[in-house]
């Protein structure tokens, strides 16, 4: 018998378009998964502490624990007036100040976002002040009697800026307790005060240990089912 060449029938235009669309969907999903993996490399590095801070120029803070001082707590004044303050050890580091344009260090609650924006200064930021006016001692400042409040900080690592925080409780004028500090390992990424673990700087402190459900992202199997799969995924979420 003569050899007969068997050829497959050409794909219909509709089927070909569906296959192309499916391949594109899978490719997009894989790229998204890769991006998710890279994002997961972000990490909040937290250091617990229980250390008394005296504003004598000897209490330093090494935010990323690399053996190099990042900030120093100090005090000083002129005449009958004095203040205690935090100062970057290097001008490339910064302290977050209030939005009113003053040089008071901002007092942040838990759950505040520390990131790019205005209010960063590369010099000292006052925390408390003492005034002896006509024999009467007055104490002022946003950190007066502050309990478990957060100091917004920015440090430079390999020429890139990283955001962090330090938690402080003031027990007396010029004396505070440092109870912990943290920084974000991804340059330029905001951190949330009080978050001590996880890879999402947008998480709130009470959600830091509760990762999102795996069903928050549709699987490849559901995507392969097309519109029906997406509809099923939505029903599962609801």
Protein backbone atom coordinates (compact mmCIF):
# COMPACT_ATOMS: atom_id res chain seq x y z
CA UNK A 1 0.00 0.00 0.00
CA UNK A 2 1.30 3.45 -0.72
CA UNK A 3 2.33 5.41 2.33
CA UNK A 4 -0.30 7.88 3.27
CA UNK A 5 0.56 11.03 5.14
CA UNK A 6 -1.77 11.63 8.03
CA UNK A 7 -2.21 15.23 9.05
CA UNK A 8 -4.13 16.68 11.95
CA UNK A 9 -7.04 18.90 11.11
CA UNK A 10 -6.35 22.58 11.68
CA UNK A 11 -7.49 24.07 14.95
CA UNK A 12 -10.57 26.17 14.75
CA UNK A 13 -10.04 29.86 15.18
CA UNK A 14 -12.16 29.88 18.34
CA UNK A 15 -10.26 27.01 19.97
CA UNK A 16 -6.91 28.53 19.05
CA UNK A 17 -7.91 31.83 20.65
CA UNK A 18 -8.98 30.04 23.82
CA UNK A 19 -5.68 28.18 24.05
CA UNK A 20 -3.73 31.39 23.57
CA UNK A 21 -5.83 33.13 26.20
CA UNK A 22 -5.28 30.24 28.63
CA UNK A 23 -1.52 30.29 28.06
CA UNK A 24 -1.48 34.02 28.69
CA UNK A 25 -3.48 33.58 31.91
CA UNK A 26 -1.11 30.88 33.18
CA UNK A 27 1.91 32.98 32.27
CA UNK A 28 0.48 36.00 34.07
CA UNK A 29 -0.24 33.87 37.12
CA UNK A 30 3.31 32.51 37.16
CA UNK A 31 4.71 36.02 36.95
CA UNK A 32 2.41 37.04 39.80
CA UNK A 33 3.55 34.07 41.85
CA UNK A 34 7.16 35.04 41.26
CA UNK A 35 6.42 38.59 42.38
CA UNK A 36 4.73 37.21 45.49
CA UNK A 37 7.84 35.15 46.26
CA UNK A 38 10.03 38.22 45.94
CA UNK A 39 7.67 40.23 48.15
CA UNK A 40 7.77 37.49 50.77
CA UNK A 41 11.47 38.17 51.17
CA UNK A 42 10.52 41.41 52.91
CA UNK A 43 10.88 41.08 56.64
CA UNK A 44 10.32 43.11 59.76
CA UNK A 45 13.29 42.52 62.06
CA UNK A 46 12.23 43.10 65.67
CA UNK A 47 14.49 43.31 68.72
CA UNK A 48 12.85 43.10 72.17
CA UNK A 49 14.43 45.24 74.85
CA UNK A 50 14.13 46.31 78.46
CA UNK A 51 16.76 49.00 78.78
CA UNK A 52 16.84 52.26 80.69
CA UNK A 53 17.61 55.23 78.51
CA UNK A 54 19.43 58.14 80.10
CA UNK A 55 19.77 61.29 78.04
CA UNK A 56 23.45 61.67 78.81
CA UNK A 57 24.88 61.06 75.35
CA UNK A 58 25.85 57.50 76.22
CA UNK A 59 22.58 55.74 75.42
CA UNK A 60 22.67 54.73 71.78
CA UNK A 61 20.35 52.79 69.51
CA UNK A 62 21.63 50.38 66.88
CA UNK A 63 18.38 49.87 64.98
CA UNK A 64 19.56 47.07 62.67
CA UNK A 65 22.04 45.50 65.12
CA UNK A 66 25.03 45.79 62.80
CA UNK A 67 27.34 47.07 65.53
CA UNK A 68 27.14 50.68 64.34
CA UNK A 69 25.24 53.31 66.33
CA UNK A 70 22.31 54.80 64.44
CA UNK A 71 20.88 57.21 67.04
CA UNK A 72 21.93 58.68 70.38
CA UNK A 73 19.78 60.04 73.22
CA UNK A 74 21.13 63.22 74.72
CA UNK A 75 20.22 66.38 76.61
CA UNK A 76 21.40 69.91 77.11
CA UNK A 77 20.32 73.47 77.40
CA UNK A 78 21.13 77.06 78.04
CA UNK A 79 20.62 78.88 81.31
CA UNK A 80 17.51 77.69 83.12
CA UNK A 81 16.16 75.86 80.13
CA UNK A 82 17.09 72.39 78.98
CA UNK A 83 15.74 69.66 76.75
CA UNK A 84 16.22 65.97 76.12
CA UNK A 85 16.32 64.79 72.54
CA UNK A 86 17.16 62.03 70.12
CA UNK A 87 19.78 62.70 67.47
CA UNK A 88 20.84 60.73 64.38
CA UNK A 89 24.38 59.45 64.76
CA UNK A 90 24.83 60.16 61.06
CA UNK A 91 23.13 62.88 59.03
CA UNK A 92 21.99 60.24 56.53
CA UNK A 93 19.70 58.89 59.26
CA UNK A 94 16.51 60.73 60.21
CA UNK A 95 13.95 61.16 62.98
CA UNK A 96 10.25 61.70 62.30
CA UNK A 97 8.96 65.01 63.68
CA UNK A 98 5.47 66.41 64.08
CA UNK A 99 3.40 67.75 61.21
CA UNK A 100 3.28 71.22 62.78
CA UNK A 101 6.74 72.11 61.48
CA UNK A 102 8.42 72.06 64.90
CA UNK A 103 11.42 69.97 65.87
CA UNK A 104 9.58 67.87 68.44
CA UNK A 105 9.95 64.16 67.79
CA UNK A 106 6.58 62.75 66.73
CA UNK A 107 4.75 60.56 69.25
CA UNK A 108 3.18 57.65 67.38
CA UNK A 109 0.58 55.14 68.57
CA UNK A 110 0.61 51.47 67.65
CA UNK A 111 -0.61 50.90 64.13
CA UNK A 112 0.86 54.07 62.62
CA UNK A 113 2.62 53.81 59.28
CA UNK A 114 6.22 55.01 59.13
CA UNK A 115 7.41 55.58 55.59
CA UNK A 116 8.21 58.10 52.86
CA UNK A 117 6.85 61.59 53.32
CA UNK A 118 7.45 64.85 55.11
CA UNK A 119 8.67 65.48 58.63
CA UNK A 120 12.04 63.71 58.53
CA UNK A 121 15.00 65.61 60.01
CA UNK A 122 18.68 64.70 60.02
CA UNK A 123 19.44 66.52 63.25
CA UNK A 124 18.25 66.40 66.84
CA UNK A 125 14.54 66.20 67.62
CA UNK A 126 13.41 67.31 71.09
CA UNK A 127 11.26 64.98 73.19
CA UNK A 128 10.86 66.81 76.52
CA UNK A 129 11.91 70.19 77.87
CA UNK A 130 12.44 71.66 81.33
CA UNK A 131 11.96 75.32 82.03
CA UNK A 132 12.86 77.07 85.28
CA UNK A 133 10.88 80.25 84.95
CA UNK A 134 10.83 82.58 88.00
CA UNK A 135 11.70 79.70 90.27
CA UNK A 136 8.91 77.47 88.97
CA UNK A 137 9.90 74.28 87.15
CA UNK A 138 7.73 73.47 84.18
CA UNK A 139 7.98 70.36 82.04
CA UNK A 140 6.67 70.36 78.51
CA UNK A 141 6.95 68.27 75.39
CA UNK A 142 4.97 65.62 73.50
CA UNK A 143 6.79 62.74 75.17
CA UNK A 144 5.99 63.88 78.70
CA UNK A 145 4.59 60.81 80.56
CA UNK A 146 4.38 58.89 77.28
CA UNK A 147 3.69 55.16 77.78
CA UNK A 148 4.45 52.58 75.08
CA UNK A 149 4.66 55.17 72.32
CA UNK A 150 6.64 54.89 69.12
CA UNK A 151 9.47 56.92 67.67
CA UNK A 152 9.62 56.95 63.87
CA UNK A 153 13.12 56.35 62.53
CA UNK A 154 14.91 56.11 59.19
CA UNK A 155 18.37 54.60 58.71
CA UNK A 156 20.68 54.20 55.74
CA UNK A 157 21.95 50.74 54.79
CA UNK A 158 24.27 50.50 51.76
CA UNK A 159 23.10 53.92 50.63
CA UNK A 160 19.40 53.03 50.80
CA UNK A 161 16.83 54.23 53.31
CA UNK A 162 15.03 51.80 55.62
CA UNK A 163 12.22 52.69 58.00
CA UNK A 164 11.84 51.58 61.59
CA UNK A 165 10.53 52.40 65.04
CA UNK A 166 11.50 52.35 68.70
CA UNK A 167 9.00 51.88 71.54
CA UNK A 168 9.58 54.02 74.63
CA UNK A 169 7.99 54.71 77.99
CA UNK A 170 9.08 57.83 79.88
CA UNK A 171 9.34 57.17 83.61
CA UNK A 172 10.73 60.61 84.57
CA UNK A 173 12.13 63.71 82.95
CA UNK A 174 15.25 62.65 81.08
CA UNK A 175 14.73 58.94 81.77
CA UNK A 176 12.90 56.41 79.65
CA UNK A 177 12.61 52.68 79.11
CA UNK A 178 13.25 51.22 75.69
CA UNK A 179 11.01 48.16 75.29
CA UNK A 180 11.70 47.19 71.69
CA UNK A 181 12.60 48.36 68.22
CA UNK A 182 12.27 47.15 64.63
CA UNK A 183 13.13 47.97 61.03
CA UNK A 184 12.01 46.91 57.56
CA UNK A 185 14.62 45.05 55.50
CA UNK A 186 13.25 46.29 52.16
CA UNK A 187 14.56 49.74 51.26
CA UNK A 188 11.86 52.38 50.88
CA UNK A 189 9.10 50.15 52.24
CA UNK A 190 6.95 51.53 55.06
CA UNK A 191 6.72 49.80 58.42
CA UNK A 192 3.82 49.80 60.88
CA UNK A 193 4.53 50.61 64.51
CA UNK A 194 4.01 47.63 66.78
CA UNK A 195 4.31 45.00 64.03
CA UNK A 196 7.04 42.65 65.20
CA UNK A 197 6.95 39.90 62.59
CA UNK A 198 5.72 39.05 59.12
CA UNK A 199 6.51 40.35 55.67
CA UNK A 200 3.67 42.83 55.25
CA UNK A 201 4.29 46.34 56.48
CA UNK A 202 0.63 47.17 55.89
CA UNK A 203 -0.51 44.70 58.56
CA UNK A 204 -1.80 46.02 61.83
CA UNK A 205 -0.19 44.94 65.10
CA UNK A 206 -3.11 42.71 66.11
CA UNK A 207 -2.93 40.99 62.71
CA UNK A 208 0.83 40.47 62.58
CA UNK A 209 0.58 36.75 63.34
CA UNK A 210 -2.54 36.07 61.28
CA UNK A 211 -1.54 35.63 57.61
CA UNK A 212 -4.27 35.86 54.96
CA UNK A 213 -6.11 32.71 53.99
CA UNK A 214 -4.58 30.76 51.06
CA UNK A 215 -7.98 31.02 49.33
CA UNK A 216 -7.44 34.77 49.01
CA UNK A 217 -5.52 33.91 45.81
CA UNK A 218 -7.11 31.69 43.10
CA UNK A 219 -5.15 28.54 42.27
CA UNK A 220 -3.93 27.56 38.81
CA UNK A 221 -6.58 24.83 38.82
CA UNK A 222 -9.35 27.34 39.28
CA UNK A 223 -7.86 29.66 36.70
CA UNK A 224 -7.72 26.77 34.23
CA UNK A 225 -11.51 26.50 34.49
CA UNK A 226 -11.86 29.98 33.08
CA UNK A 227 -14.86 32.09 34.04
CA UNK A 228 -16.48 29.18 35.88
CA UNK A 229 -13.38 28.78 38.05
CA UNK A 230 -13.28 32.48 38.92
CA UNK A 231 -16.96 32.39 39.83
CA UNK A 232 -16.34 29.33 42.07
CA UNK A 233 -13.45 31.10 43.75
CA UNK A 234 -15.64 34.12 44.47
CA UNK A 235 -18.31 31.87 46.01
CA UNK A 236 -15.72 30.24 48.26
CA UNK A 237 -14.53 33.64 49.48
CA UNK A 238 -18.07 34.74 50.22
